[in-house]
Amino acid sequence: MAHEEDGFAKGLFLGFIAGSAIGAVTALLLAPKSGQDLRKDIQKKSTQLKETAQAQLRQARAKAEQLVNEGKKKSDEIVGQAKQLAGSIVSDAEKVLDQAKGEGGKFKAAVKAGADAFKEERSKKS
């Protein structure tokens, strides 16, 4: 969506510059002036358009730099949050593993007690 807006803004800007240039040249060519005056006016208008385009370009670059910096900042925040979440998941997994080891020891002791009881009962019957 941001790319579409950038493309629209760029197209709008280029359309503005092209329309201004065409309008200025048309107005100058249709005005009743001498050739020397006409050339001076065309040169003046082209200089104005060039300056306007350069100013717009500087603004666009500044805006692009701002957006890039904001994007970097946001991505750093997201990476930090992901690292924090991953650390939390690893910590929780370690806790579960420790609990499982503890439960496994209890299970092993219960099995041993059951086997011992079975052997004892069997020896009583013999």
N, C-alpha and C. Protein backbone atom coordinates (compact mmCIF):
# COMPACT_ATOMS: atom_id res chain seq x y z
N MET A 1 0.81 -1.18 0.00
CA MET A 1 0.00 0.00 0.00
C MET A 1 0.87 1.25 0.00
N ALA A 2 1.95 1.26 0.77
CA ALA A 2 2.85 2.40 0.82
C ALA A 2 3.50 2.61 -0.54
N HIS A 3 3.80 1.49 -1.24
CA HIS A 3 4.42 1.61 -2.56
C HIS A 3 3.45 2.25 -3.55
N GLU A 4 2.16 1.93 -3.43
CA GLU A 4 1.17 2.52 -4.31
C GLU A 4 1.06 4.02 -4.07
N GLU A 5 1.10 4.42 -2.80
CA GLU A 5 1.03 5.85 -2.47
C GLU A 5 2.27 6.58 -2.98
N ASP A 6 3.46 5.94 -2.85
CA ASP A 6 4.69 6.54 -3.35
C ASP A 6 4.62 6.71 -4.86
N GLY A 7 4.12 5.68 -5.56
CA GLY A 7 4.00 5.75 -7.01
C GLY A 7 3.02 6.83 -7.43
N PHE A 8 1.92 6.95 -6.69
CA PHE A 8 0.93 7.98 -6.99
C PHE A 8 1.53 9.36 -6.78
N ALA A 9 2.25 9.55 -5.68
CA ALA A 9 2.87 10.85 -5.39
C ALA A 9 3.91 11.21 -6.44
N LYS A 10 4.71 10.21 -6.84
CA LYS A 10 5.73 10.45 -7.85
C LYS A 10 5.08 10.83 -9.19
N GLY A 11 4.03 10.11 -9.55
CA GLY A 11 3.33 10.40 -10.80
C GLY A 11 2.68 11.77 -10.76
N LEU A 12 2.11 12.11 -9.61
CA LEU A 12 1.50 13.43 -9.45
C LEU A 12 2.54 14.53 -9.58
N PHE A 13 3.68 14.32 -8.96
CA PHE A 13 4.77 15.30 -9.03
C PHE A 13 5.26 15.46 -10.46
N LEU A 14 5.50 14.35 -11.14
CA LEU A 14 5.98 14.42 -12.53
C LEU A 14 4.93 15.06 -13.43
N GLY A 15 3.68 14.77 -13.18
CA GLY A 15 2.60 15.40 -13.95
C GLY A 15 2.56 16.89 -13.73
N PHE A 16 2.77 17.30 -12.49
CA PHE A 16 2.79 18.72 -12.16
C PHE A 16 3.93 19.42 -12.91
N ILE A 17 5.11 18.83 -12.86
CA ILE A 17 6.28 19.44 -13.53
C ILE A 17 6.06 19.49 -15.04
N ALA A 18 5.60 18.40 -15.63
CA ALA A 18 5.39 18.36 -17.08
C ALA A 18 4.30 19.35 -17.49
N GLY A 19 3.21 19.39 -16.73
CA GLY A 19 2.13 20.33 -17.04
C GLY A 19 2.57 21.77 -16.92
N SER A 20 3.37 22.05 -15.90
CA SER A 20 3.88 23.42 -15.73
C SER A 20 4.77 23.81 -16.90
N ALA A 21 5.64 22.90 -17.29
CA ALA A 21 6.56 23.20 -18.39
C ALA A 21 5.79 23.42 -19.68
N ILE A 22 4.85 22.55 -19.97
CA ILE A 22 4.07 22.68 -21.21
C ILE A 22 3.25 23.97 -21.19
N GLY A 23 2.62 24.25 -20.06
CA GLY A 23 1.82 25.47 -19.95
C GLY A 23 2.66 26.72 -20.08
N ALA A 24 3.84 26.71 -19.46
CA ALA A 24 4.72 27.89 -19.54
C ALA A 24 5.21 28.11 -20.96
N VAL A 25 5.65 27.05 -21.61
CA VAL A 25 6.16 27.19 -22.99
C VAL A 25 5.03 27.62 -23.92
N THR A 26 3.85 27.07 -23.76
CA THR A 26 2.72 27.44 -24.61
C THR A 26 2.36 28.92 -24.41
N ALA A 27 2.33 29.34 -23.16
CA ALA A 27 2.00 30.75 -22.88
C ALA A 27 3.05 31.68 -23.47
N LEU A 28 4.30 31.30 -23.36
CA LEU A 28 5.37 32.15 -23.90
C LEU A 28 5.34 32.20 -25.43
N LEU A 29 5.08 31.07 -26.04
CA LEU A 29 5.06 31.03 -27.50
C LEU A 29 3.87 31.79 -28.09
N LEU A 30 2.77 31.81 -27.37
CA LEU A 30 1.58 32.49 -27.88
C LEU A 30 1.55 33.98 -27.52
N ALA A 31 2.43 34.39 -26.63
CA ALA A 31 2.46 35.81 -26.24
C ALA A 31 3.10 36.64 -27.35
N PRO A 32 2.56 37.84 -27.60
CA PRO A 32 3.13 38.68 -28.66
C PRO A 32 4.40 39.39 -28.16
N LYS A 33 5.58 38.73 -28.33
CA LYS A 33 6.85 39.29 -27.89
C LYS A 33 7.88 39.10 -28.98
N SER A 34 8.97 39.85 -28.84
CA SER A 34 10.07 39.68 -29.79
C SER A 34 10.80 38.39 -29.48
N GLY A 35 11.58 37.90 -30.42
CA GLY A 35 12.33 36.65 -30.24
C GLY A 35 13.27 36.71 -29.06
N GLN A 36 13.96 37.84 -28.89
CA GLN A 36 14.92 37.96 -27.79
C GLN A 36 14.18 37.94 -26.44
N ASP A 37 13.06 38.66 -26.34
CA ASP A 37 12.27 38.66 -25.10
C ASP A 37 11.71 37.27 -24.82
N LEU A 38 11.26 36.61 -25.88
CA LEU A 38 10.70 35.28 -25.74
C LEU A 38 11.75 34.30 -25.22
N ARG A 39 12.95 34.35 -25.78
CA ARG A 39 14.03 33.47 -25.32
C ARG A 39 14.37 33.73 -23.86
N LYS A 40 14.40 35.00 -23.47
CA LYS A 40 14.69 35.34 -22.07
C LYS A 40 13.60 34.80 -21.15
N ASP A 41 12.35 34.94 -21.58
CA ASP A 41 11.24 34.43 -20.76
C ASP A 41 11.29 32.90 -20.65
N ILE A 42 11.59 32.24 -21.76
CA ILE A 42 11.70 30.78 -21.73
C ILE A 42 12.83 30.36 -20.80
N GLN A 43 13.96 31.04 -20.90
CA GLN A 43 15.10 30.71 -20.04
C GLN A 43 14.73 30.94 -18.56
N LYS A 44 14.06 32.05 -18.28
CA LYS A 44 13.65 32.36 -16.90
C LYS A 44 12.70 31.29 -16.37
N LYS A 45 11.70 30.92 -17.18
CA LYS A 45 10.73 29.92 -16.76
C LYS A 45 11.40 28.55 -16.57
N SER A 46 12.31 28.19 -17.46
CA SER A 46 12.98 26.90 -17.32
C SER A 46 13.84 26.88 -16.06
N THR A 47 14.46 27.99 -15.73
CA THR A 47 15.24 28.09 -14.49
C THR A 47 14.32 27.95 -13.28
N GLN A 48 13.16 28.61 -13.33
CA GLN A 48 12.21 28.50 -12.22
C GLN A 48 11.72 27.06 -12.05
N LEU A 49 11.40 26.42 -13.17
CA LEU A 49 10.94 25.03 -13.11
C LEU A 49 12.02 24.11 -12.57
N LYS A 50 13.27 24.35 -12.99
CA LYS A 50 14.38 23.55 -12.51
C LYS A 50 14.54 23.71 -11.00
N GLU A 51 14.45 24.93 -10.52
CA GLU A 51 14.57 25.19 -9.09
C GLU A 51 13.42 24.55 -8.31
N THR A 52 12.23 24.62 -8.87
CA THR A 52 11.07 24.00 -8.23
C THR A 52 11.26 22.49 -8.17
N ALA A 53 11.71 21.90 -9.25
CA ALA A 53 11.93 20.45 -9.29
C ALA A 53 13.01 20.04 -8.29
N GLN A 54 14.07 20.83 -8.19
CA GLN A 54 15.14 20.51 -7.24
C GLN A 54 14.63 20.61 -5.80
N ALA A 55 13.82 21.61 -5.52
CA ALA A 55 13.26 21.76 -4.17
C ALA A 55 12.36 20.57 -3.85
N GLN A 56 11.53 20.16 -4.80
CA GLN A 56 10.65 19.01 -4.60
C GLN A 56 11.48 17.73 -4.40
N LEU A 57 12.55 17.61 -5.14
CA LEU A 57 13.41 16.44 -5.01
C LEU A 57 14.08 16.40 -3.63
N ARG A 58 14.54 17.55 -3.14
CA ARG A 58 15.12 17.61 -1.80
C ARG A 58 14.10 17.20 -0.75
N GLN A 59 12.87 17.68 -0.90
CA GLN A 59 11.82 17.31 0.04
C GLN A 59 11.52 15.81 -0.02
N ALA A 60 11.48 15.28 -1.22
CA ALA A 60 11.21 13.84 -1.39
C ALA A 60 12.33 13.01 -0.76
N ARG A 61 13.57 13.43 -0.96
CA ARG A 61 14.70 12.71 -0.36
C ARG A 61 14.63 12.76 1.16
N ALA A 62 14.32 13.95 1.71
CA ALA A 62 14.21 14.08 3.16
C ALA A 62 13.11 13.18 3.70
N LYS A 63 11.99 13.13 3.01
CA LYS A 63 10.87 12.28 3.43
C LYS A 63 11.27 10.81 3.34
N ALA A 64 11.98 10.44 2.27
CA ALA A 64 12.42 9.05 2.11
C ALA A 64 13.39 8.67 3.24
N GLU A 65 14.32 9.56 3.57
CA GLU A 65 15.25 9.28 4.66
C GLU A 65 14.50 9.12 5.98
N GLN A 66 13.52 9.97 6.20
CA GLN A 66 12.72 9.89 7.42
C GLN A 66 12.00 8.54 7.48
N LEU A 67 11.40 8.14 6.38
CA LEU A 67 10.68 6.85 6.34
C LEU A 67 11.63 5.68 6.55
N VAL A 68 12.81 5.75 5.96
CA VAL A 68 13.79 4.68 6.14
C VAL A 68 14.22 4.60 7.60
N ASN A 69 14.48 5.75 8.21
CA ASN A 69 14.89 5.76 9.62
C ASN A 69 13.78 5.23 10.52
N GLU A 70 12.55 5.61 10.23
CA GLU A 70 11.42 5.10 11.01
C GLU A 70 11.29 3.59 10.83
N GLY A 71 11.49 3.12 9.60
CA GLY A 71 11.42 1.68 9.33
C GLY A 71 12.51 0.92 10.07
N LYS A 72 13.72 1.47 10.08
CA LYS A 72 14.82 0.82 10.80
C LYS A 72 14.51 0.76 12.30
N LYS A 73 14.01 1.87 12.82
CA LYS A 73 13.69 1.92 14.26
C LYS A 73 12.62 0.88 14.59
N LYS A 74 11.58 0.81 13.76
CA LYS A 74 10.49 -0.13 14.00
C LYS A 74 10.99 -1.57 13.88
N SER A 75 11.83 -1.84 12.89
CA SER A 75 12.35 -3.20 12.74
C SER A 75 13.25 -3.57 13.91
N ASP A 76 14.03 -2.62 14.43
CA ASP A 76 14.85 -2.89 15.62
C ASP A 76 13.97 -3.22 16.82
N GLU A 77 12.86 -2.49 16.96
CA GLU A 77 11.93 -2.77 18.05
C GLU A 77 11.34 -4.18 17.91
N ILE A 78 10.95 -4.53 16.70
CA ILE A 78 10.35 -5.85 16.46
C ILE A 78 11.37 -6.96 16.73
N VAL A 79 12.61 -6.75 16.29
CA VAL A 79 13.65 -7.75 16.53
C VAL A 79 13.90 -7.89 18.03
N GLY A 80 13.93 -6.77 18.73
CA GLY A 80 14.11 -6.82 20.18
C GLY A 80 13.00 -7.57 20.87
N GLN A 81 11.77 -7.31 20.45
CA GLN A 81 10.62 -8.01 21.03
C GLN A 81 10.69 -9.51 20.71
N ALA A 82 11.11 -9.84 19.49
CA ALA A 82 11.21 -11.25 19.10
C ALA A 82 12.29 -11.95 19.93
N LYS A 83 13.41 -11.28 20.15
CA LYS A 83 14.48 -11.87 20.96
C LYS A 83 13.99 -12.08 22.39
N GLN A 84 13.28 -11.10 22.91
CA GLN A 84 12.77 -11.21 24.27
C GLN A 84 11.77 -12.38 24.36
N LEU A 85 10.90 -12.48 23.39
CA LEU A 85 9.92 -13.57 23.36
C LEU A 85 10.62 -14.91 23.22
N ALA A 86 11.62 -14.98 22.36
CA ALA A 86 12.36 -16.23 22.18
C ALA A 86 13.05 -16.63 23.49
N GLY A 87 13.63 -15.66 24.18
CA GLY A 87 14.27 -15.94 25.47
C GLY A 87 13.27 -16.46 26.48
N SER A 88 12.09 -15.88 26.48
CA SER A 88 11.03 -16.33 27.38
C SER A 88 10.59 -17.75 27.04
N ILE A 89 10.47 -18.06 25.76
CA ILE A 89 10.07 -19.40 25.33
C ILE A 89 11.14 -20.42 25.74
N VAL A 90 12.40 -20.08 25.54
CA VAL A 90 13.49 -20.98 25.91
C VAL A 90 13.48 -21.21 27.42
N SER A 91 13.28 -20.15 28.18
CA SER A 91 13.23 -20.27 29.64
C SER A 91 12.08 -21.17 30.07
N ASP A 92 10.92 -20.97 29.47
CA ASP A 92 9.77 -21.81 29.79
C ASP A 92 10.03 -23.27 29.40
N ALA A 93 10.66 -23.48 28.26
CA ALA A 93 10.97 -24.84 27.81
C ALA A 93 11.94 -25.51 28.78
N GLU A 94 12.92 -24.76 29.27
CA GLU A 94 13.86 -25.32 30.24
C GLU A 94 13.15 -25.70 31.54
N LYS A 95 12.20 -24.88 31.96
CA LYS A 95 11.42 -25.20 33.16
C LYS A 95 10.63 -26.48 32.95
N VAL A 96 9.98 -26.60 31.80
CA VAL A 96 9.20 -27.80 31.50
C VAL A 96 10.11 -29.02 31.46
N LEU A 97 11.29 -28.89 30.87
CA LEU A 97 12.24 -29.99 30.79
C LEU A 97 12.69 -30.40 32.18
N ASP A 98 12.99 -29.42 33.04
CA ASP A 98 13.39 -29.72 34.42
C ASP A 98 12.27 -30.44 35.16
N GLN A 99 11.03 -29.99 34.95
CA GLN A 99 9.89 -30.65 35.59
C GLN A 99 9.75 -32.08 35.08
N ALA A 100 9.94 -32.26 33.78
CA ALA A 100 9.82 -33.59 33.20
C ALA A 100 10.90 -34.51 33.76
N LYS A 101 12.10 -33.98 33.94
CA LYS A 101 13.18 -34.78 34.52
C LYS A 101 12.81 -35.18 35.94
N GLY A 102 12.25 -34.24 36.70
CA GLY A 102 11.82 -34.54 38.06
C GLY A 102 10.72 -35.57 38.08
N GLU A 103 9.75 -35.41 37.20
CA GLU A 103 8.65 -36.37 37.11
C GLU A 103 9.16 -37.72 36.63
N GLY A 104 10.13 -37.69 35.73
CA GLY A 104 10.71 -38.94 35.22
C GLY A 104 11.38 -39.71 36.36
N GLY A 105 12.04 -39.00 37.25
CA GLY A 105 12.67 -39.65 38.41
C GLY A 105 11.63 -40.27 39.31
N LYS A 106 10.52 -39.59 39.52
CA LYS A 106 9.43 -40.13 40.34
C LYS A 106 8.84 -41.37 39.68
N PHE A 107 8.67 -41.30 38.36
CA PHE A 107 8.11 -42.43 37.61
C PHE A 107 9.04 -43.63 37.71
N LYS A 108 10.34 -43.38 37.58
CA LYS A 108 11.34 -44.44 37.66
C LYS A 108 11.30 -45.09 39.05
N ALA A 109 11.18 -44.24 40.08
CA ALA A 109 11.12 -44.77 41.45
C ALA A 109 9.84 -45.59 41.65
N ALA A 110 8.74 -45.14 41.07
CA ALA A 110 7.47 -45.87 41.21
C ALA A 110 7.55 -47.21 40.50
N VAL A 111 8.16 -47.25 39.33
CA VAL A 111 8.31 -48.49 38.58
C VAL A 111 9.19 -49.45 39.37
N LYS A 112 10.28 -48.94 39.93
CA LYS A 112 11.19 -49.78 40.72
C LYS A 112 10.46 -50.34 41.94
N ALA A 113 9.66 -49.46 42.60
CA ALA A 113 8.91 -49.93 43.78
C ALA A 113 7.91 -51.00 43.37
N GLY A 114 7.25 -50.81 42.24
CA GLY A 114 6.31 -51.81 41.74
C GLY A 114 7.00 -53.12 41.42
N ALA A 115 8.15 -53.05 40.77
CA ALA A 115 8.91 -54.25 40.43
C ALA A 115 9.37 -54.96 41.70
N ASP A 116 9.83 -54.18 42.67
CA ASP A 116 10.28 -54.76 43.95
C ASP A 116 9.11 -55.46 44.66
N ALA A 117 7.94 -54.81 44.65
CA ALA A 117 6.76 -55.39 45.29
C ALA A 117 6.36 -56.68 44.58
N PHE A 118 6.44 -56.69 43.26
CA PHE A 118 6.12 -57.89 42.48
C PHE A 118 7.07 -59.02 42.83
N LYS A 119 8.36 -58.70 42.89
CA LYS A 119 9.36 -59.73 43.22
C LYS A 119 9.12 -60.27 44.62
N GLU A 120 8.78 -59.40 45.53
CA GLU A 120 8.54 -59.80 46.93
C GLU A 120 7.32 -60.73 47.02
N GLU A 121 6.27 -60.37 46.32
CA GLU A 121 5.06 -61.19 46.33
C GLU A 121 5.32 -62.54 45.68
N ARG A 122 6.11 -62.53 44.64
CA ARG A 122 6.42 -63.76 43.92
C ARG A 122 7.27 -64.71 44.81
N SER A 123 8.19 -64.06 45.52
CA SER A 123 9.04 -64.89 46.39
C SER A 123 8.23 -65.46 47.55
N LYS A 124 7.19 -64.78 47.99
CA LYS A 124 6.33 -65.28 49.06
C LYS A 124 5.53 -66.49 48.58
N LYS A 125 5.14 -66.51 47.34
CA LYS A 125 4.33 -67.59 46.79
C LYS A 125 5.18 -68.83 46.50
N SER A 126 6.46 -68.65 46.34
CA SER A 126 7.29 -69.79 46.00
C SER A 126 7.64 -70.60 47.16
